[in-house]
Amino acid sequence: MEINTEKINMGPAELDWLASALTLSVPLAEKPALKKIISGMAHIELFEYPSGVEIIKEGEEGRDFFVVYSGRLSVKKTLGVEPEEIGRLGKGDFFGEMGFLLSVPRSATVRTEEKCRVFRFEAQELAAVLSGHKALEARIKEVAMERLAKTFRDI
């Protein structure tokens, strides 16, 4: 099945928003440098997805990282026979961190609930950003640990 997505041209407003969204937990001294790095990255893309599209699927390989720019998404995981909703994502939330951090298959399916715009970072680009911004790396790891803990509580 082919996904009907549209690659969106990014302007300064979208890149400024992305830098701000990713720097919520970054010390003030690091924010200008991170913003400059993000605006110069060639492999960050902004995609528009219609409602009902699975952006990542549980069990598939993938290391890319995603940040929600607009819209609502559901997160489903197979805990028994049928997938169950384990969360919802919206503007400023991110997903794909498990595959990126652990190099494991996707741990859940993320599906659009309405038209969404989502930034996609190729894994190597995100690794380059994180190598110079330990606070952002720590935040991504913190969210991953919270999500893993929730998954184990729900089993």
C-alpha atoms as a PDB file:
ATOM      1  CA  MET A   1       0.000   0.000   0.000  1.00  0.00           C
ATOM      2  CA  GLU A   2       1.388   3.368  -0.977  1.00  0.00           C
ATOM      3  CA  ILE A   3       1.022   6.151   1.582  1.00  0.00           C
ATOM      4  CA  ASN A   4      -0.285   9.409   0.188  1.00  0.00           C
ATOM      5  CA  THR A   5       2.121  11.907   1.747  1.00  0.00           C
ATOM      6  CA  GLU A   6       3.315  15.275   0.646  1.00  0.00           C
ATOM      7  CA  LYS A   7       6.765  16.644   1.330  1.00  0.00           C
ATOM      8  CA  ILE A   8       6.363  20.230   2.507  1.00  0.00           C
ATOM      9  CA  ASN A   9       8.893  22.950   1.758  1.00  0.00           C
ATOM     10  CA  MET A  10      10.200  24.279   5.052  1.00  0.00           C
ATOM     11  CA  GLY A  11      10.782  27.933   5.657  1.00  0.00           C
ATOM     12  CA  PRO A  12      12.349  29.786   8.565  1.00  0.00           C
ATOM     13  CA  ALA A  13       9.109  29.641  10.588  1.00  0.00           C
ATOM     14  CA  GLU A  14       9.002  25.822  10.547  1.00  0.00           C
ATOM     15  CA  LEU A  15      12.690  25.499  11.391  1.00  0.00           C
ATOM     16  CA  ASP A  16      12.363  28.046  14.211  1.00  0.00           C
ATOM     17  CA  TRP A  17       9.421  26.101  15.616  1.00  0.00           C
ATOM     18  CA  LEU A  18      11.354  22.814  15.419  1.00  0.00           C
ATOM     19  CA  ALA A  19      14.385  24.302  17.165  1.00  0.00           C
ATOM     20  CA  SER A  20      12.142  25.687  19.902  1.00  0.00           C
ATOM     21  CA  ALA A  21      10.298  22.388  20.327  1.00  0.00           C
ATOM     22  CA  LEU A  22      13.545  20.449  20.698  1.00  0.00           C
ATOM     23  CA  THR A  23      15.169  22.934  23.057  1.00  0.00           C
ATOM     24  CA  LEU A  24      12.557  22.933  25.803  1.00  0.00           C
ATOM     25  CA  SER A  25      14.938  21.067  28.100  1.00  0.00           C
ATOM     26  CA  VAL A  26      18.217  22.397  26.695  1.00  0.00           C
ATOM     27  CA  PRO A  27      20.143  24.910  28.807  1.00  0.00           C
ATOM     28  CA  LEU A  28      19.881  28.485  27.501  1.00  0.00           C
ATOM     29  CA  ALA A  29      23.572  28.580  26.599  1.00  0.00           C
ATOM     30  CA  GLU A  30      23.103  25.686  24.128  1.00  0.00           C
ATOM     31  CA  LYS A  31      19.927  26.949  22.391  1.00  0.00           C
ATOM     32  CA  PRO A  32      21.503  29.237  19.760  1.00  0.00           C
ATOM     33  CA  ALA A  33      23.990  26.566  18.693  1.00  0.00           C
ATOM     34  CA  LEU A  34      21.279  23.917  18.401  1.00  0.00           C
ATOM     35  CA  LYS A  35      19.046  26.227  16.379  1.00  0.00           C
ATOM     36  CA  LYS A  36      21.922  26.919  13.972  1.00  0.00           C
ATOM     37  CA  ILE A  37      22.688  23.203  13.563  1.00  0.00           C
ATOM     38  CA  ILE A  38      19.041  22.305  12.919  1.00  0.00           C
ATOM     39  CA  SER A  39      18.605  25.008  10.288  1.00  0.00           C
ATOM     40  CA  GLY A  40      21.686  23.707   8.441  1.00  0.00           C
ATOM     41  CA  MET A  41      20.703  20.039   8.418  1.00  0.00           C
ATOM     42  CA  ALA A  42      20.014  18.673   4.961  1.00  0.00           C
ATOM     43  CA  HIS A  43      18.082  15.564   5.985  1.00  0.00           C
ATOM     44  CA  ILE A  44      15.277  16.976   8.084  1.00  0.00           C
ATOM     45  CA  GLU A  45      12.049  16.772   6.148  1.00  0.00           C
ATOM     46  CA  LEU A  46       8.514  17.945   6.859  1.00  0.00           C
ATOM     47  CA  PHE A  47       5.736  15.693   5.580  1.00  0.00           C
ATOM     48  CA  GLU A  48       1.989  16.094   5.510  1.00  0.00           C
ATOM     49  CA  TYR A  49      -0.024  12.921   6.111  1.00  0.00           C
ATOM     50  CA  PRO A  50      -3.778  12.511   5.648  1.00  0.00           C
ATOM     51  CA  SER A  51      -5.931  11.003   8.397  1.00  0.00           C
ATOM     52  CA  GLY A  52      -5.663   7.240   8.878  1.00  0.00           C
ATOM     53  CA  VAL A  53      -2.020   6.732   7.844  1.00  0.00           C
ATOM     54  CA  GLU A  54       0.356   4.526   9.830  1.00  0.00           C
ATOM     55  CA  ILE A  55       3.623   6.474   9.878  1.00  0.00           C
ATOM     56  CA  ILE A  56       5.529   3.744  11.692  1.00  0.00           C
ATOM     57  CA  LYS A  57       4.374   0.169  12.267  1.00  0.00           C
ATOM     58  CA  GLU A  58       5.064  -2.076  15.220  1.00  0.00           C
ATOM     59  CA  GLY A  59       7.684  -4.699  14.336  1.00  0.00           C
ATOM     60  CA  GLU A  60       9.122  -2.902  11.310  1.00  0.00           C
ATOM     61  CA  GLU A  61      12.745  -1.842  11.144  1.00  0.00           C
ATOM     62  CA  GLY A  62      13.440   1.865  11.356  1.00  0.00           C
ATOM     63  CA  ARG A  63      15.766   4.302  13.085  1.00  0.00           C
ATOM     64  CA  ASP A  64      14.375   7.647  11.934  1.00  0.00           C
ATOM     65  CA  PHE A  65      13.006  10.055  14.536  1.00  0.00           C
ATOM     66  CA  PHE A  66       9.837  12.132  14.206  1.00  0.00           C
ATOM     67  CA  VAL A  67       8.511  15.353  15.754  1.00  0.00           C
ATOM     68  CA  VAL A  68       4.828  16.299  15.426  1.00  0.00           C
ATOM     69  CA  TYR A  69       4.366  19.796  13.964  1.00  0.00           C
ATOM     70  CA  SER A  70       0.559  19.678  13.774  1.00  0.00           C
ATOM     71  CA  GLY A  71      -2.295  17.234  14.157  1.00  0.00           C
ATOM     72  CA  ARG A  72      -3.173  14.326  16.424  1.00  0.00           C
ATOM     73  CA  LEU A  73      -1.835  10.775  16.285  1.00  0.00           C
ATOM     74  CA  SER A  74      -2.627   7.560  18.160  1.00  0.00           C
ATOM     75  CA  VAL A  75      -0.058   5.085  19.446  1.00  0.00           C
ATOM     76  CA  LYS A  76      -1.031   1.405  19.448  1.00  0.00           C
ATOM     77  CA  LYS A  77       0.833  -1.638  20.706  1.00  0.00           C
ATOM     78  CA  THR A  78      -0.062  -5.313  20.570  1.00  0.00           C
ATOM     79  CA  LEU A  79      -0.337  -6.321  24.225  1.00  0.00           C
ATOM     80  CA  GLY A  80      -2.615  -9.309  23.676  1.00  0.00           C
ATOM     81  CA  VAL A  81      -4.314 -10.481  20.517  1.00  0.00           C
ATOM     82  CA  GLU A  82      -5.383  -7.055  19.235  1.00  0.00           C
ATOM     83  CA  PRO A  83      -3.451  -3.775  19.209  1.00  0.00           C
ATOM     84  CA  GLU A  84      -4.467  -1.449  22.049  1.00  0.00           C
ATOM     85  CA  GLU A  85      -4.153   2.306  22.177  1.00  0.00           C
ATOM     86  CA  ILE A  86      -1.418   3.184  24.654  1.00  0.00           C
ATOM     87  CA  GLY A  87      -1.151   6.896  23.990  1.00  0.00           C
ATOM     88  CA  ARG A  88      -1.853   9.962  21.921  1.00  0.00           C
ATOM     89  CA  LEU A  89       0.562  12.451  20.410  1.00  0.00           C
ATOM     90  CA  GLY A  90       0.140  16.072  19.389  1.00  0.00           C
ATOM     91  CA  LYS A  91       2.079  19.190  18.511  1.00  0.00           C
ATOM     92  CA  GLY A  92       5.609  19.096  19.944  1.00  0.00           C
ATOM     93  CA  ASP A  93       5.566  15.381  20.818  1.00  0.00           C
ATOM     94  CA  PHE A  94       8.090  13.010  19.295  1.00  0.00           C
ATOM     95  CA  PHE A  95       8.216   9.326  18.410  1.00  0.00           C
ATOM     96  CA  GLY A  96      10.618   6.798  16.921  1.00  0.00           C
ATOM     97  CA  GLU A  97      13.074   7.207  19.783  1.00  0.00           C
ATOM     98  CA  MET A  98      13.157   3.487  20.668  1.00  0.00           C
ATOM     99  CA  GLY A  99      14.299   2.440  17.203  1.00  0.00           C
ATOM    100  CA  PHE A 100      16.788   5.297  17.114  1.00  0.00           C
ATOM    101  CA  LEU A 101      18.283   4.734  20.572  1.00  0.00           C
ATOM    102  CA  LEU A 102      18.217   0.932  20.709  1.00  0.00           C
ATOM    103  CA  SER A 103      18.422  -0.093  17.015  1.00  0.00           C
ATOM    104  CA  VAL A 104      15.435  -2.386  17.508  1.00  0.00           C
ATOM    105  CA  PRO A 105      12.253  -2.852  15.465  1.00  0.00           C
ATOM    106  CA  ARG A 106       9.471  -0.338  16.070  1.00  0.00           C
ATOM    107  CA  SER A 107       7.804  -0.978  19.429  1.00  0.00           C
ATOM    108  CA  ALA A 108       4.424   0.527  18.485  1.00  0.00           C
ATOM    109  CA  THR A 109       2.341   1.740  15.574  1.00  0.00           C
ATOM    110  CA  VAL A 110       1.789   5.488  15.226  1.00  0.00           C
ATOM    111  CA  ARG A 111      -1.266   6.443  13.156  1.00  0.00           C
ATOM    112  CA  THR A 112      -2.623   9.830  12.137  1.00  0.00           C
ATOM    113  CA  GLU A 113      -6.080  10.653  13.527  1.00  0.00           C
ATOM    114  CA  GLU A 114      -6.403  13.751  11.343  1.00  0.00           C
ATOM    115  CA  LYS A 115      -4.273  15.531   8.769  1.00  0.00           C
ATOM    116  CA  CYS A 116      -0.820  15.893  10.338  1.00  0.00           C
ATOM    117  CA  ARG A 117       2.483  17.521   9.576  1.00  0.00           C
ATOM    118  CA  VAL A 118       5.486  15.659  10.948  1.00  0.00           C
ATOM    119  CA  PHE A 119       9.218  16.365  10.831  1.00  0.00           C
ATOM    120  CA  ARG A 120      11.424  13.356  10.058  1.00  0.00           C
ATOM    121  CA  PHE A 121      15.081  13.213  11.081  1.00  0.00           C
ATOM    122  CA  GLU A 122      17.290  10.604   9.475  1.00  0.00           C
ATOM    123  CA  ALA A 123      19.042   8.683  12.249  1.00  0.00           C
ATOM    124  CA  GLN A 124      22.559   9.848  11.364  1.00  0.00           C
ATOM    125  CA  GLU A 125      21.446  13.507  11.391  1.00  0.00           C
ATOM    126  CA  LEU A 126      19.867  13.160  14.822  1.00  0.00           C
ATOM    127  CA  ALA A 127      22.970  11.385  16.132  1.00  0.00           C
ATOM    128  CA  ALA A 128      25.071  14.339  14.971  1.00  0.00           C
ATOM    129  CA  VAL A 129      22.797  16.813  16.764  1.00  0.00           C
ATOM    130  CA  LEU A 130      22.768  14.795  19.974  1.00  0.00           C
ATOM    131  CA  SER A 131      26.540  14.385  20.043  1.00  0.00           C
ATOM    132  CA  GLY A 132      26.827  18.101  20.723  1.00  0.00           C
ATOM    133  CA  HIS A 133      23.723  18.549  22.885  1.00  0.00           C
ATOM    134  CA  LYS A 134      23.713  16.218  25.852  1.00  0.00           C
ATOM    135  CA  ALA A 135      20.668  17.842  27.485  1.00  0.00           C
ATOM    136  CA  LEU A 136      18.515  17.080  24.443  1.00  0.00           C
ATOM    137  CA  GLU A 137      19.906  13.538  24.306  1.00  0.00           C
ATOM    138  CA  ALA A 138      19.047  13.121  27.992  1.00  0.00           C
ATOM    139  CA  ARG A 139      15.464  14.319  27.379  1.00  0.00           C
ATOM    140  CA  ILE A 140      14.935  11.867  24.521  1.00  0.00           C
ATOM    141  CA  LYS A 141      16.319   9.042  26.676  1.00  0.00           C
ATOM    142  CA  GLU A 142      14.115  10.103  29.594  1.00  0.00           C
ATOM    143  CA  VAL A 143      10.970   9.926  27.453  1.00  0.00           C
ATOM    144  CA  ALA A 144      12.066   6.545  26.055  1.00  0.00           C
ATOM    145  CA  MET A 145      12.537   5.187  29.589  1.00  0.00           C
ATOM    146  CA  GLU A 146       9.115   6.505  30.661  1.00  0.00           C
ATOM    147  CA  ARG A 147       7.496   4.831  27.671  1.00  0.00           C
ATOM    148  CA  LEU A 148       9.313   1.544  28.307  1.00  0.00           C
ATOM    149  CA  ALA A 149       8.273   1.604  31.970  1.00  0.00           C
ATOM    150  CA  LYS A 150       4.624   2.234  30.976  1.00  0.00           C
ATOM    151  CA  THR A 151       4.746  -0.656  28.525  1.00  0.00           C
ATOM    152  CA  PHE A 152       6.009  -3.052  31.210  1.00  0.00           C
ATOM    153  CA  ARG A 153       3.364  -1.850  33.680  1.00  0.00           C
ATOM    154  CA  ASP A 154       0.668  -2.507  31.067  1.00  0.00           C
ATOM    155  CA  ILE A 155       1.774  -6.071  30.321  1.00  0.00           C
END
